[in-house]
Amino acid sequence: MRSYTLNNLYEHARNIRHYIIAMTTRANSGHPGGSLSSADIITYVYFNLLNIRALRDQDPNRDRFILSAGHLCPAVYAALAEANLISQEQILTLRQFGSPLQGHPDRLMMPYLETSSGSLGQGLSIALGFALSLPKKSNVFCLTSDAEHQEGSTWEAIMAAAHFKTSNLISIVDRNYLQIDGSTENVMALNSLKDKYRSFGWNVIEIDGHCFNAIDGAFNEAISYKKGPTAIIALTHLGHGVSIIENDCRYHGKALTLDQAHQAHQQIDQYYQRINK
């Protein structure tokens, strides 16, 4: 499946992380933590799964990517900028009045999005609707947060997808174990999402959500599986790549200061220097 080398993906992911820090710091608002934890999944989806030309031309037979956890949109905006679908200057307008880069994505203002989102727990149902209505050759990828699985509507979609055996639906869970109020297991324990999805009749793959080899293998398996829907449980770290905020739930929805941002950009470059050795 891989159309890009690992070095290409690392470079895209590095740039996306830089964009996330720059835009949320400039706005003094937004959700850097989850955007960073999901950055590798989003990098892979945009640069190894989706056909950027089909997305740009709105080809009706294109694969779809649904962002259920709308607050992670800085990572998606960053990927669109990295793919030259929006300008780098526009990135710095995040959350400004009139900007197409709203704090929760608005499809009417940003044409490369498949749907608006923001109210958590809705995206998997939307993705299921796409999967049922599109030709089976069109895959639908839906990125959810782990805390969205505290919403009953998510489990209704999980049950329905298994019932209708929607093999072209792939749910990716950003499992970083943190939400705005602290640990998911303290707020409303989710325990093993892998076991829960399986009990509902899904094919389940659990991976390191920051390892492109593991991500690549998981999507290969998920797309090849034709007996029903697949869930990829991506084990991640909030704020990954920026050690000063990593695994700190305060940065679920808190922007970095200018001094912190300067340090974060340095840490991102140092992180990729280490993993590229």
Protein backbone atom coordinates (compact mmCIF):
# COMPACT_ATOMS: atom_id res chain seq x y z
CA MET A 1 0.00 0.00 0.00
CA ARG A 2 2.80 2.44 0.78
CA SER A 3 3.23 5.13 -1.86
CA TYR A 4 5.59 7.19 0.28
CA THR A 5 8.81 6.15 1.98
CA LEU A 6 9.07 6.29 5.75
CA ASN A 7 11.36 9.31 5.43
CA ASN A 8 8.65 11.10 3.44
CA LEU A 9 6.07 10.34 6.11
CA TYR A 10 8.42 11.45 8.90
CA GLU A 11 9.02 14.73 7.10
CA HIS A 12 5.30 15.36 6.62
CA ALA A 13 4.58 14.48 10.27
CA ARG A 14 7.35 16.79 11.46
CA ASN A 15 5.98 19.69 9.43
CA ILE A 16 2.43 18.98 10.58
CA ARG A 17 3.54 19.10 14.23
CA HIS A 18 5.27 22.43 13.61
CA TYR A 19 2.08 23.80 12.03
CA ILE A 20 -0.01 22.63 14.99
CA ILE A 21 2.17 24.48 17.47
CA ALA A 22 2.39 27.59 15.30
CA MET A 23 -1.33 27.94 14.64
CA THR A 24 -2.58 27.20 18.16
CA THR A 25 0.03 29.47 19.73
CA ARG A 26 -0.80 32.29 17.31
CA ALA A 27 -4.50 31.86 18.12
CA ASN A 28 -3.76 31.47 21.84
CA SER A 29 -6.51 28.89 21.67
CA GLY A 30 -7.20 25.40 20.37
CA HIS A 31 -6.34 21.81 21.16
CA PRO A 32 -2.64 21.05 20.67
CA GLY A 33 -2.50 17.87 22.79
CA GLY A 34 -4.83 15.63 20.81
CA SER A 35 -3.79 17.20 17.52
CA LEU A 36 -0.22 16.08 18.25
CA SER A 37 -1.27 12.61 19.42
CA SER A 38 -3.24 12.02 16.21
CA ALA A 39 -0.70 13.66 13.89
CA ASP A 40 0.91 10.41 12.70
CA ILE A 41 -2.44 8.79 11.88
CA ILE A 42 -3.56 11.91 10.01
CA THR A 43 -0.23 12.10 8.18
CA TYR A 44 -0.63 8.52 7.00
CA VAL A 45 -4.26 9.00 5.95
CA TYR A 46 -3.59 12.14 3.90
CA PHE A 47 -0.26 11.12 2.40
CA ASN A 48 -0.65 7.39 1.92
CA LEU A 49 -4.37 6.60 1.70
CA LEU A 50 -6.36 9.49 0.30
CA ASN A 51 -5.88 10.49 -3.31
CA ILE A 52 -5.19 14.23 -2.94
CA ARG A 53 -6.22 14.91 -6.55
CA ALA A 54 -9.52 13.07 -6.01
CA LEU A 55 -10.07 15.10 -2.84
CA ARG A 56 -9.27 18.36 -4.62
CA ASP A 57 -11.55 17.49 -7.56
CA GLN A 58 -14.28 16.08 -5.28
CA ASP A 59 -14.33 12.81 -7.21
CA PRO A 60 -17.58 11.10 -6.09
CA ASN A 61 -15.82 7.73 -5.98
CA ARG A 62 -13.04 8.95 -3.69
CA ASP A 63 -12.31 7.47 -0.28
CA ARG A 64 -13.64 9.57 2.61
CA PHE A 65 -12.00 10.71 5.83
CA ILE A 66 -14.38 11.76 8.60
CA LEU A 67 -12.97 13.66 11.57
CA SER A 68 -15.34 12.82 14.39
CA ALA A 69 -13.24 14.47 17.10
CA GLY A 70 -13.58 17.94 15.62
CA HIS A 71 -11.27 19.59 18.14
CA LEU A 72 -8.36 17.74 16.47
CA CYS A 73 -8.86 19.87 13.35
CA PRO A 74 -5.49 21.71 13.67
CA ALA A 75 -3.84 18.45 12.58
CA VAL A 76 -6.16 18.19 9.57
CA TYR A 77 -5.64 21.84 8.60
CA ALA A 78 -1.90 21.25 8.91
CA ALA A 79 -2.13 18.21 6.61
CA LEU A 80 -4.10 20.25 4.05
CA ALA A 81 -1.41 22.94 4.15
CA GLU A 82 1.33 20.31 3.83
CA ALA A 83 -0.54 18.95 0.77
CA ASN A 84 -0.70 22.49 -0.71
CA LEU A 85 -4.50 22.53 -0.61
CA ILE A 86 -4.52 25.62 1.61
CA SER A 87 -1.82 28.25 1.94
CA GLN A 88 0.75 28.32 4.71
CA GLU A 89 -0.30 31.92 5.42
CA GLN A 90 -3.87 30.78 5.97
CA ILE A 91 -2.70 28.36 8.67
CA LEU A 92 -2.03 31.31 10.98
CA THR A 93 -5.67 32.45 10.78
CA LEU A 94 -6.90 29.58 12.97
CA ARG A 95 -9.94 30.62 15.03
CA GLN A 96 -9.99 34.15 13.65
CA PHE A 97 -13.35 35.69 12.80
CA GLY A 98 -14.22 34.89 9.18
CA SER A 99 -11.37 32.43 8.71
CA PRO A 100 -12.22 29.09 7.06
CA LEU A 101 -10.05 27.50 9.76
CA GLN A 102 -12.65 27.45 12.49
CA GLY A 103 -11.94 25.99 15.93
CA HIS A 104 -14.26 23.13 15.05
CA PRO A 105 -14.33 22.33 11.33
CA ASP A 106 -17.00 23.88 9.13
CA ARG A 107 -17.40 22.16 5.77
CA LEU A 108 -19.18 25.19 4.29
CA MET A 109 -16.05 27.27 4.90
CA MET A 110 -13.46 24.57 4.14
CA PRO A 111 -14.36 22.54 1.02
CA TYR A 112 -11.82 19.75 1.56
CA LEU A 113 -13.67 18.50 4.63
CA GLU A 114 -16.32 15.81 4.22
CA THR A 115 -18.44 17.06 7.11
CA SER A 116 -18.59 19.63 9.87
CA SER A 117 -17.92 18.34 13.36
CA GLY A 118 -17.61 19.45 16.92
CA SER A 119 -20.32 17.77 18.95
CA LEU A 120 -18.51 14.63 20.07
CA GLY A 121 -19.86 11.16 19.40
CA GLN A 122 -21.52 11.95 16.05
CA GLY A 123 -18.80 11.19 13.52
CA LEU A 124 -18.94 7.40 13.45
CA SER A 125 -22.67 7.51 12.66
CA ILE A 126 -21.97 9.92 9.80
CA ALA A 127 -19.16 7.67 8.57
CA LEU A 128 -21.49 4.67 8.70
CA GLY A 129 -23.99 6.54 6.53
CA PHE A 130 -21.25 7.24 3.99
CA ALA A 131 -20.11 3.60 4.06
CA LEU A 132 -23.62 2.30 3.46
CA SER A 133 -24.38 4.71 0.62
CA LEU A 134 -21.07 4.70 -1.28
CA PRO A 135 -19.87 1.98 -3.64
CA LYS A 136 -18.06 -0.73 -1.70
CA LYS A 137 -14.82 0.18 -3.47
CA SER A 138 -14.86 3.51 -1.62
CA ASN A 139 -13.43 3.23 1.88
CA VAL A 140 -14.54 5.45 4.75
CA PHE A 141 -11.99 6.23 7.46
CA CYS A 142 -13.27 7.80 10.68
CA LEU A 143 -10.98 9.20 13.37
CA THR A 144 -12.53 9.19 16.83
CA SER A 145 -11.15 10.15 20.22
CA ASP A 146 -11.20 7.58 22.98
CA ALA A 147 -13.40 9.82 25.18
CA GLU A 148 -16.05 9.82 22.42
CA HIS A 149 -16.64 6.22 23.43
CA GLN A 150 -18.28 7.59 26.56
CA GLU A 151 -21.11 8.70 24.24
CA GLY A 152 -23.98 6.29 23.64
CA SER A 153 -24.36 7.38 20.01
CA THR A 154 -20.91 5.98 19.27
CA TRP A 155 -21.96 2.54 20.45
CA GLU A 156 -25.18 2.67 18.42
CA ALA A 157 -23.02 3.23 15.32
CA ILE A 158 -20.68 0.41 16.35
CA MET A 159 -23.62 -1.98 16.75
CA ALA A 160 -25.22 -0.94 13.44
CA ALA A 161 -21.96 -1.18 11.47
CA ALA A 162 -21.45 -4.76 12.63
CA HIS A 163 -25.07 -5.62 11.83
CA PHE A 164 -24.78 -4.31 8.27
CA LYS A 165 -21.27 -5.78 7.82
CA THR A 166 -19.90 -2.53 6.43
CA SER A 167 -16.46 -3.79 5.45
CA ASN A 168 -15.56 -0.45 3.85
CA LEU A 169 -15.81 1.33 7.23
CA ILE A 170 -12.64 1.70 9.31
CA SER A 171 -12.76 3.39 12.70
CA ILE A 172 -9.46 4.70 14.04
CA VAL A 173 -9.42 5.44 17.77
CA ASP A 174 -6.86 7.94 19.07
CA ARG A 175 -6.34 6.09 22.37
CA ASN A 176 -4.25 8.51 24.44
CA TYR A 177 -6.16 7.81 27.69
CA LEU A 178 -6.68 11.52 28.44
CA GLN A 179 -9.51 14.00 28.08
CA ILE A 180 -10.06 17.55 29.26
CA ASP A 181 -10.90 16.53 32.85
CA GLY A 182 -8.10 13.99 33.25
CA SER A 183 -7.74 10.27 32.64
CA THR A 184 -10.51 8.60 30.64
CA GLU A 185 -10.39 5.77 33.16
CA ASN A 186 -11.16 8.17 36.03
CA VAL A 187 -13.81 10.22 34.23
CA MET A 188 -15.71 7.24 32.76
CA ALA A 189 -13.69 4.06 32.51
CA LEU A 190 -13.46 2.61 29.01
CA ASN A 191 -11.26 -0.35 29.99
CA SER A 192 -10.36 -2.46 26.93
CA LEU A 193 -11.79 -0.86 23.80
CA LYS A 194 -10.27 -3.75 21.86
CA ASP A 195 -12.42 -6.26 23.74
CA LYS A 196 -15.51 -4.05 23.51
CA TYR A 197 -15.28 -3.62 19.74
CA ARG A 198 -14.74 -7.36 19.32
CA SER A 199 -17.77 -8.14 21.45
CA PHE A 200 -19.83 -6.01 19.07
CA GLY A 201 -18.58 -8.07 16.10
CA TRP A 202 -15.80 -5.87 14.71
CA ASN A 203 -12.40 -6.88 13.43
CA VAL A 204 -9.93 -5.15 15.77
CA ILE A 205 -6.26 -4.23 15.38
CA GLU A 206 -4.34 -2.57 18.22
CA ILE A 207 -1.13 -0.74 17.31
CA ASP A 208 1.45 1.83 18.32
CA GLY A 209 -0.15 4.95 16.84
CA HIS A 210 3.21 6.65 16.38
CA CYS A 211 4.89 3.87 14.37
CA PHE A 212 4.37 4.18 10.61
CA ASN A 213 5.25 0.53 9.97
CA ALA A 214 2.53 -0.53 12.42
CA ILE A 215 0.08 2.01 10.98
CA ASP A 216 0.77 0.80 7.46
CA GLY A 217 0.27 -2.85 8.40
CA ALA A 218 -2.97 -2.08 10.22
CA PHE A 219 -4.53 -0.21 7.30
CA ASN A 220 -3.44 -2.91 4.87
CA GLU A 221 -5.19 -5.51 7.01
CA ALA A 222 -8.26 -3.36 7.59
CA ILE A 223 -8.82 -2.61 3.90
CA SER A 224 -8.33 -6.28 3.00
CA TYR A 225 -10.84 -7.50 5.60
CA LYS A 226 -14.22 -8.04 3.90
CA LYS A 227 -16.35 -9.69 6.60
CA GLY A 228 -17.32 -6.48 8.39
CA PRO A 229 -16.00 -3.22 9.82
CA THR A 230 -12.53 -2.83 11.35
CA ALA A 231 -11.42 -0.76 14.33
CA ILE A 232 -7.80 0.33 14.62
CA ILE A 233 -7.01 1.15 18.24
CA ALA A 234 -4.03 3.51 17.96
CA LEU A 235 -2.19 3.75 21.27
CA THR A 236 -0.83 7.30 21.41
CA HIS A 237 0.46 9.97 23.78
CA LEU A 238 -1.20 13.35 24.22
CA GLY A 239 1.21 16.01 22.94
CA HIS A 240 3.50 13.44 21.32
CA GLY A 241 6.77 14.93 20.08
CA VAL A 242 6.70 17.82 22.54
CA SER A 243 7.95 16.51 25.88
CA ILE A 244 7.07 19.67 27.85
CA ILE A 245 3.34 18.94 27.37
CA GLU A 246 3.32 15.19 26.70
CA ASN A 247 0.68 13.27 28.71
CA ASP A 248 -0.45 16.48 30.45
CA CYS A 249 -4.24 16.76 30.19
CA ARG A 250 -4.08 20.54 30.70
CA TYR A 251 -2.94 20.78 27.07
CA HIS A 252 -6.02 19.02 25.78
CA GLY A 253 -7.42 22.50 25.16
CA LYS A 254 -4.71 24.95 26.18
CA ALA A 255 -2.32 26.72 23.83
CA LEU A 256 1.38 27.04 24.56
CA THR A 257 2.97 30.35 25.48
CA LEU A 258 5.42 31.90 23.03
CA ASP A 259 8.36 30.68 25.11
CA GLN A 260 6.89 27.19 25.30
CA ALA A 261 6.22 27.22 21.56
CA HIS A 262 9.84 28.08 20.83
CA GLN A 263 10.92 25.16 23.02
CA ALA A 264 8.32 22.90 21.38
CA HIS A 265 9.63 23.61 17.87
CA GLN A 266 13.13 22.68 19.04
CA GLN A 267 11.86 19.47 20.65
CA ILE A 268 10.00 18.47 17.49
CA ASP A 269 13.18 18.79 15.43
CA GLN A 270 15.18 16.89 18.07
CA TYR A 271 12.54 14.13 18.15
CA TYR A 272 12.78 13.56 14.40
CA GLN A 273 16.54 13.67 14.47
CA ARG A 274 16.44 10.78 16.97
CA ILE A 275 13.93 8.60 15.15
CA ASN A 276 15.54 9.13 11.75
CA LYS A 277 18.90 7.75 12.89
